[in-house]
Amino acid sequence: MEQVDVAVIGGGQSGLAAAHALRGQGLQPVVLEASERAAGSWPRHYDSLTLFSPARYSSLPGLPFGGDPDRYPHRDEVVAYLLRCADELDAEIRTRTRVRDVRLEDGVFMLGLESGGELAARAVVAATGTFGRPHRPELPGLATYTGTLLHAADYRAPEPFAGQRVVVVGAGNSAVQIAAELAGRARVTLAARHPVRFARQRTLGSDLHWWLAHTGLDTLPIGRFLRTPPTQWVIDDGRYRAAVTSGRPDRRPVFTGASGTKVTWADGTTEEVDTVLLATGYRPDLVYLVPLGALDASGHPRHREGISLTHPGLAYVGLEWQRSLSSNSLRGAGRDAARIARHIAAHLARL
């Protein structure tokens, strides 16, 4: 049976960053990517998605993003950038290789593949992010709603929703972006349990990420102290606040019930709704670690700053608030990857 130094599960931004860092430690990682190309979830995001961070703050270690450093790259630019990173990475990347499960046998990690084969690894980095596990909260009456029910992971463009009555549930960046885009084609309500909180994209002429970097807030290791992520702020250049203020989309508390194709609002009124779109975030996509016993009851990994608390040779990259507020972003993945690579190298040296 084939055995490798380190198996990196996931070939997106986090997996590529992890492989780069592991090579820097003299290890030979093998990256296992379920899709046909090493770009992670980026090709599956909605068509109009644009980064909130400028290109200068959106690079992985070893390869600058390129182009105007102050522009905000589009989704397709990110895909092309990650494919370039994969091409220049001095590590083996195996696409169309989905990991079904991970077990520990005699001190070696055994990775069962959906293809039916197995791979043995001395260490494992889980870098599959969250996109594959959309969070669908239990909302009042949603189980009996018979209209179209989608998650933001399913959304691509506004054209199919033209003329519809749409309710977008959520108050984060994706919820506001999608709701504002849909409002140009449909009658849209942004429904959330909490108020939408806007953060200026630029202050005193500098981007928010310039301020985060120069104050040190971007790298502050506060992830371990957060039992739950803090309320998300919507990064805005003014367009989204103006859209919500103008009522396109309008803003309401989450509906109090639903049945058939109707939803009921807090004031008791009911109305027909064609589509409910949940922009309610994601959870760690780590189901393949269940046999290993590395997750808690809710499916979250037991870790400290990306280092497993259950298995010394297991680590993570790309978790939200893994170590800092930038941990699951392009700008933060490299820092976390460097840290876990040092840990894994030290662990393997002791074996």
Protein backbone atom coordinates (compact mmCIF):
# COMPACT_ATOMS: atom_id res chain seq x y z
CA MET A 1 0.00 0.00 0.00
CA GLU A 2 1.23 3.48 -0.82
CA GLN A 3 2.37 5.59 2.16
CA VAL A 4 3.10 9.32 2.09
CA ASP A 5 4.61 11.80 4.53
CA VAL A 6 1.55 14.03 4.83
CA ALA A 7 -1.84 13.80 3.16
CA VAL A 8 -3.41 17.23 2.67
CA ILE A 9 -7.15 16.81 2.19
CA GLY A 10 -8.46 19.65 0.05
CA GLY A 11 -6.78 21.48 -2.82
CA GLY A 12 -8.20 24.98 -2.40
CA GLN A 13 -6.50 28.00 -0.84
CA SER A 14 -5.96 26.27 2.51
CA GLY A 15 -4.66 23.02 1.06
CA LEU A 16 -2.26 24.82 -1.29
CA ALA A 17 -1.00 26.99 1.59
CA ALA A 18 -0.53 23.90 3.75
CA ALA A 19 1.39 22.04 1.05
CA HIS A 20 3.65 25.05 0.45
CA ALA A 21 4.42 25.31 4.17
CA LEU A 22 5.05 21.58 4.52
CA ARG A 23 7.51 21.68 1.61
CA GLY A 24 9.29 24.45 3.46
CA GLN A 25 9.76 22.01 6.34
CA GLY A 26 11.34 19.43 4.03
CA LEU A 27 8.28 17.19 3.90
CA GLN A 28 6.64 15.64 0.83
CA PRO A 29 2.90 16.35 1.03
CA VAL A 30 0.35 14.88 -1.35
CA VAL A 31 -2.72 17.07 -1.93
CA LEU A 32 -6.02 15.22 -2.43
CA GLU A 33 -8.66 17.33 -4.18
CA ALA A 34 -12.17 16.00 -4.80
CA SER A 35 -12.95 18.20 -7.82
CA GLU A 36 -11.32 18.27 -11.23
CA ARG A 37 -9.03 21.23 -10.47
CA ALA A 38 -7.17 22.70 -7.52
CA ALA A 39 -9.24 25.81 -6.90
CA GLY A 40 -11.32 24.68 -3.94
CA SER A 41 -14.87 26.02 -3.70
CA TRP A 42 -14.19 29.23 -5.63
CA PRO A 43 -15.54 28.04 -9.01
CA ARG A 44 -18.86 27.21 -7.32
CA HIS A 45 -19.51 30.62 -5.75
CA TYR A 46 -22.03 33.01 -7.29
CA ASP A 47 -21.05 34.73 -10.51
CA SER A 48 -20.74 38.31 -9.23
CA LEU A 49 -18.66 37.51 -6.14
CA THR A 50 -15.82 39.97 -5.60
CA LEU A 51 -13.26 39.90 -2.81
CA PHE A 52 -13.59 42.42 -0.02
CA SER A 53 -9.83 42.48 0.41
CA PRO A 54 -7.56 44.17 -2.18
CA ALA A 55 -5.22 42.00 -4.25
CA ARG A 56 -2.23 43.08 -2.16
CA TYR A 57 -3.82 41.40 0.88
CA SER A 58 -5.17 38.36 -0.97
CA SER A 59 -2.10 36.30 -1.79
CA LEU A 60 -0.84 32.95 -0.59
CA PRO A 61 2.84 32.64 0.43
CA GLY A 62 5.25 32.35 -2.44
CA LEU A 63 3.13 33.90 -5.19
CA PRO A 64 1.79 37.50 -5.26
CA PHE A 65 -1.66 37.95 -6.75
CA GLY A 66 -0.38 40.25 -9.48
CA GLY A 67 -1.98 43.17 -11.31
CA ASP A 68 -3.20 46.35 -9.63
CA PRO A 69 -2.60 45.69 -5.91
CA ASP A 70 -5.48 47.94 -4.89
CA ARG A 71 -8.19 46.29 -6.99
CA TYR A 72 -10.77 43.90 -5.56
CA PRO A 73 -10.40 40.66 -7.55
CA HIS A 74 -13.43 38.94 -9.06
CA ARG A 75 -14.23 35.27 -8.37
CA ASP A 76 -12.81 34.15 -11.71
CA GLU A 77 -9.55 35.98 -11.02
CA VAL A 78 -9.25 34.08 -7.75
CA VAL A 79 -9.82 30.78 -9.55
CA ALA A 80 -7.12 31.61 -12.09
CA TYR A 81 -4.77 32.69 -9.30
CA LEU A 82 -5.23 29.46 -7.35
CA LEU A 83 -4.67 27.37 -10.46
CA ARG A 84 -1.43 29.28 -11.00
CA CYS A 85 -0.44 28.56 -7.40
CA ALA A 86 -1.14 24.87 -7.97
CA ASP A 87 0.95 24.83 -11.14
CA GLU A 88 3.93 26.38 -9.37
CA LEU A 89 3.63 24.30 -6.20
CA ASP A 90 6.43 21.80 -5.72
CA ALA A 91 4.09 19.09 -4.48
CA GLU A 92 1.92 16.38 -5.98
CA ILE A 93 -1.75 17.28 -6.43
CA ARG A 94 -4.24 14.51 -7.16
CA THR A 95 -7.55 15.82 -8.46
CA ARG A 96 -10.80 13.83 -8.61
CA THR A 97 -9.67 12.14 -5.39
CA ARG A 98 -12.30 12.37 -2.68
CA VAL A 99 -11.49 11.08 0.81
CA ARG A 100 -14.33 9.00 2.22
CA ASP A 101 -12.98 8.41 5.72
CA VAL A 102 -9.86 8.54 7.86
CA ARG A 103 -8.92 5.92 10.45
CA LEU A 104 -5.90 5.29 12.63
CA GLU A 105 -4.29 1.86 12.45
CA ASP A 106 -1.08 1.06 14.33
CA GLY A 107 -0.15 4.74 14.52
CA VAL A 108 -0.70 5.34 10.78
CA PHE A 109 -3.56 7.31 9.26
CA MET A 110 -5.49 5.23 6.74
CA LEU A 111 -7.45 7.26 4.19
CA GLY A 112 -10.28 5.46 2.45
CA LEU A 113 -10.96 6.92 -1.00
CA GLU A 114 -14.31 7.03 -2.77
CA SER A 115 -12.61 5.32 -5.69
CA GLY A 116 -12.23 2.29 -3.45
CA GLY A 117 -8.50 2.54 -2.83
CA GLU A 118 -6.60 3.42 0.34
CA LEU A 119 -3.68 5.66 1.17
CA ALA A 120 -1.51 5.54 4.29
CA ALA A 121 -0.10 8.77 5.74
CA ARG A 122 2.15 9.57 8.67
CA ALA A 123 0.23 12.83 9.18
CA VAL A 124 -2.92 14.48 7.86
CA VAL A 125 -3.91 18.09 7.26
CA ALA A 126 -7.67 18.65 6.90
CA ALA A 127 -8.11 21.65 4.61
CA THR A 128 -11.56 21.15 3.11
CA GLY A 129 -13.07 24.41 4.38
CA THR A 130 -16.82 24.79 4.82
CA PHE A 131 -18.51 25.25 1.42
CA GLY A 132 -19.45 21.57 1.21
CA ARG A 133 -21.52 21.83 4.39
CA PRO A 134 -24.05 24.68 4.10
CA HIS A 135 -25.79 25.56 7.35
CA ARG A 136 -29.57 25.31 7.12
CA PRO A 137 -31.05 26.46 10.43
CA GLU A 138 -34.42 25.26 11.68
CA LEU A 139 -36.69 28.23 11.06
CA PRO A 140 -40.39 28.40 12.04
CA GLY A 141 -42.50 26.44 9.55
CA LEU A 142 -39.69 25.94 7.05
CA ALA A 143 -40.22 22.18 7.09
CA THR A 144 -43.71 22.68 5.63
CA TYR A 145 -42.76 25.38 3.13
CA THR A 146 -43.38 24.06 -0.41
CA GLY A 147 -41.93 26.92 -2.44
CA THR A 148 -38.36 26.86 -3.70
CA LEU A 149 -35.87 26.55 -0.85
CA LEU A 150 -32.21 27.25 -1.62
CA HIS A 151 -28.97 27.96 0.16
CA ALA A 152 -26.50 30.63 -0.95
CA ALA A 153 -24.27 27.73 -2.03
CA ASP A 154 -26.86 27.02 -4.76
CA TYR A 155 -27.14 30.62 -5.99
CA ARG A 156 -25.31 31.74 -9.14
CA ALA A 157 -27.08 34.71 -10.76
CA PRO A 158 -30.30 36.76 -10.42
CA GLU A 159 -31.84 36.08 -13.85
CA PRO A 160 -33.76 32.89 -12.90
CA PHE A 161 -35.55 34.83 -10.14
CA ALA A 162 -36.90 37.65 -12.34
CA GLY A 163 -40.35 38.78 -11.20
CA GLN A 164 -40.38 36.52 -8.14
CA ARG A 165 -41.08 37.27 -4.49
CA VAL A 166 -37.89 36.26 -2.70
CA VAL A 167 -36.89 36.18 0.97
CA VAL A 168 -33.15 36.07 1.69
CA VAL A 169 -32.40 34.93 5.24
CA GLY A 170 -29.20 36.23 6.80
CA ALA A 171 -27.35 39.40 7.76
CA GLY A 172 -23.79 38.76 6.61
CA ASN A 173 -21.83 39.72 3.52
CA SER A 174 -23.28 37.07 1.22
CA ALA A 175 -26.85 37.68 2.37
CA VAL A 176 -26.66 41.41 1.73
CA GLN A 177 -24.78 41.06 -1.56
CA ILE A 178 -27.20 38.48 -2.95
CA ALA A 179 -30.31 40.30 -1.71
CA ALA A 180 -29.16 43.60 -3.25
CA GLU A 181 -28.34 41.89 -6.55
CA LEU A 182 -31.69 40.07 -6.65
CA ALA A 183 -33.55 43.29 -5.87
CA GLY A 184 -32.76 44.48 -9.37
CA ARG A 185 -34.83 41.61 -10.79
CA ALA A 186 -37.26 40.57 -8.05
CA ARG A 187 -39.15 41.83 -4.99
CA VAL A 188 -36.81 40.95 -2.16
CA THR A 189 -36.85 40.98 1.64
CA LEU A 190 -33.71 40.55 3.70
CA ALA A 191 -34.84 38.70 6.82
CA ALA A 192 -32.55 38.27 9.81
CA ARG A 193 -32.60 37.71 13.54
CA HIS A 194 -30.09 40.51 14.06
CA PRO A 195 -29.64 43.96 12.54
CA VAL A 196 -27.31 44.30 9.57
CA ARG A 197 -24.04 45.86 10.70
CA PHE A 198 -22.05 47.74 8.10
CA ALA A 199 -18.29 48.39 8.20
CA ARG A 200 -16.71 50.94 5.88
CA GLN A 201 -14.56 49.41 3.20
CA ARG A 202 -12.33 52.49 3.16
CA THR A 203 -11.57 54.95 5.97
CA LEU A 204 -9.38 58.04 5.58
CA GLY A 205 -8.42 56.83 2.12
CA SER A 206 -7.20 53.38 3.18
CA ASP A 207 -8.90 50.00 2.84
CA LEU A 208 -10.16 48.27 5.97
CA HIS A 209 -7.54 45.55 5.51
CA TRP A 210 -4.76 48.15 5.60
CA TRP A 211 -6.01 49.18 9.03
CA LEU A 212 -6.35 45.56 10.18
CA ALA A 213 -2.78 44.79 9.08
CA HIS A 214 -1.19 47.94 10.52
CA THR A 215 -2.95 47.68 13.88
CA GLY A 216 -2.19 43.96 14.24
CA LEU A 217 -5.87 43.09 14.63
CA ASP A 218 -5.73 40.82 11.58
CA THR A 219 -3.30 38.41 13.23
CA LEU A 220 -4.34 38.70 16.87
CA PRO A 221 -4.59 35.09 18.17
CA ILE A 222 -8.03 35.32 19.72
CA GLY A 223 -9.67 32.32 18.03
CA ARG A 224 -9.28 30.02 21.02
CA PHE A 225 -11.25 32.41 23.23
CA LEU A 226 -14.33 32.46 21.02
CA ARG A 227 -16.94 29.86 21.81
CA THR A 228 -19.01 31.14 18.90
CA PRO A 229 -17.92 33.52 16.11
CA PRO A 230 -18.85 37.16 16.74
CA THR A 231 -21.60 38.90 14.80
CA GLN A 232 -20.46 39.39 11.22
CA TRP A 233 -20.05 42.87 9.77
CA VAL A 234 -20.93 43.63 6.16
CA ILE A 235 -17.98 45.31 4.45
CA ASP A 236 -19.48 48.09 2.36
CA ASP A 237 -18.36 50.87 0.06
CA GLY A 238 -21.73 52.54 0.59
CA ARG A 239 -23.76 50.72 -2.04
CA TYR A 240 -25.28 48.06 0.19
CA ARG A 241 -26.28 50.38 3.01
CA ALA A 242 -27.93 52.62 0.42
CA ALA A 243 -29.77 49.65 -1.10
CA VAL A 244 -31.15 48.49 2.25
CA THR A 245 -32.02 52.04 3.30
CA SER A 246 -33.96 52.55 0.07
CA GLY A 247 -35.90 49.34 0.63
CA ARG A 248 -34.34 47.40 -2.22
CA PRO A 249 -34.19 44.94 -0.53
CA ASP A 250 -36.43 45.77 2.39
CA ARG A 251 -35.36 44.61 5.83
CA ARG A 252 -37.52 42.61 8.28
CA PRO A 253 -37.13 40.20 11.19
CA VAL A 254 -37.20 36.53 10.23
CA PHE A 255 -40.69 35.20 9.48
CA THR A 256 -42.54 33.59 12.38
CA GLY A 257 -44.03 30.75 10.36
CA ALA A 258 -44.41 29.19 6.95
CA SER A 259 -46.82 26.77 5.32
CA GLY A 260 -47.28 25.78 1.74
CA THR A 261 -46.04 28.66 -0.38
CA LYS A 262 -46.79 31.32 2.26
CA VAL A 263 -44.76 32.83 5.07
CA THR A 264 -46.10 34.65 8.12
CA TRP A 265 -44.40 37.82 9.37
CA ALA A 266 -44.12 39.12 12.93
CA ASP A 267 -47.10 41.45 12.46
CA GLY A 268 -49.34 38.48 11.59
CA THR A 269 -49.56 39.14 7.87
CA THR A 270 -49.02 36.30 5.41
CA GLU A 271 -47.92 36.40 1.80
CA GLU A 272 -46.96 34.17 -1.07
CA VAL A 273 -43.21 33.71 -1.44
CA ASP A 274 -41.70 32.03 -4.47
CA THR A 275 -38.23 31.42 -3.06
CA VAL A 276 -36.60 31.37 0.36
CA LEU A 277 -32.82 31.63 0.02
CA LEU A 278 -30.77 30.82 3.12
CA ALA A 279 -27.56 32.86 3.31
CA THR A 280 -26.90 31.42 6.73
CA GLY A 281 -23.28 30.41 6.50
CA TYR A 282 -21.45 27.12 6.60
CA ARG A 283 -19.98 24.63 9.04
CA PRO A 284 -16.66 22.70 8.87
CA ASP A 285 -16.88 20.07 6.12
CA LEU A 286 -15.05 17.28 7.94
CA VAL A 287 -17.42 14.30 7.89
CA TYR A 288 -14.55 12.06 6.76
CA LEU A 289 -13.00 12.49 10.23
CA VAL A 290 -15.99 11.00 12.06
CA PRO A 291 -14.48 7.46 12.17
CA LEU A 292 -11.32 8.94 13.65
CA GLY A 293 -13.17 10.45 16.61
CA ALA A 294 -11.61 13.87 16.01
CA LEU A 295 -14.88 15.85 16.03
CA ASP A 296 -17.27 16.93 18.74
CA ALA A 297 -20.98 16.13 18.76
CA SER A 298 -21.77 19.07 16.45
CA GLY A 299 -19.17 18.10 13.87
CA HIS A 300 -16.60 20.71 14.85
CA PRO A 301 -12.98 19.61 15.19
CA ARG A 302 -11.41 19.37 18.63
CA HIS A 303 -8.37 21.56 18.14
CA ARG A 304 -6.34 24.45 19.45
CA GLU A 305 -5.27 26.96 16.82
CA GLY A 306 -5.41 24.28 14.13
CA ILE A 307 -3.59 21.54 16.03
CA SER A 308 -5.73 18.52 16.86
CA LEU A 309 -6.39 17.82 20.53
CA THR A 310 -7.19 14.18 19.76
CA HIS A 311 -4.43 13.05 17.36
CA PRO A 312 -0.87 14.46 17.38
CA GLY A 313 -0.38 13.95 13.63
CA LEU A 314 -3.61 15.69 12.63
CA ALA A 315 -3.94 19.41 11.92
CA TYR A 316 -6.32 21.85 10.26
CA VAL A 317 -6.06 24.86 7.96
CA GLY A 318 -8.91 27.10 6.87
CA LEU A 319 -11.26 26.91 9.85
CA GLU A 320 -13.19 30.07 10.66
CA TRP A 321 -11.52 31.80 13.59
CA GLN A 322 -8.98 28.96 13.73
CA ARG A 323 -6.49 31.39 15.22
CA SER A 324 -7.45 34.89 14.09
CA LEU A 325 -10.17 36.73 12.20
CA SER A 326 -8.29 36.12 8.91
CA SER A 327 -7.81 32.37 9.37
CA ASN A 328 -10.27 31.20 6.71
CA SER A 329 -9.22 33.80 4.13
CA LEU A 330 -6.62 34.02 1.38
CA ARG A 331 -4.63 36.51 3.42
CA GLY A 332 -4.62 34.38 6.57
CA ALA A 333 -4.30 30.79 5.35
CA GLY A 334 -0.53 31.04 4.87
CA ARG A 335 0.14 32.14 8.44
CA ASP A 336 -1.87 29.30 9.92
CA ALA A 337 -0.36 26.82 7.47
CA ALA A 338 3.18 27.78 8.49
CA ARG A 339 2.32 27.18 12.13
CA ILE A 340 0.81 23.73 11.66
CA ALA A 341 3.61 22.72 9.26
CA ARG A 342 6.18 23.36 11.99
CA HIS A 343 4.10 21.29 14.40
CA ILE A 344 3.77 18.37 11.99
CA ALA A 345 7.48 18.43 11.12
CA ALA A 346 8.36 18.31 14.82
CA HIS A 347 5.87 15.49 15.41
CA LEU A 348 7.20 13.36 12.57
CA ALA A 349 10.79 13.95 13.71
CA ARG A 350 9.90 12.36 17.03
CA LEU A 351 8.48 9.19 15.48
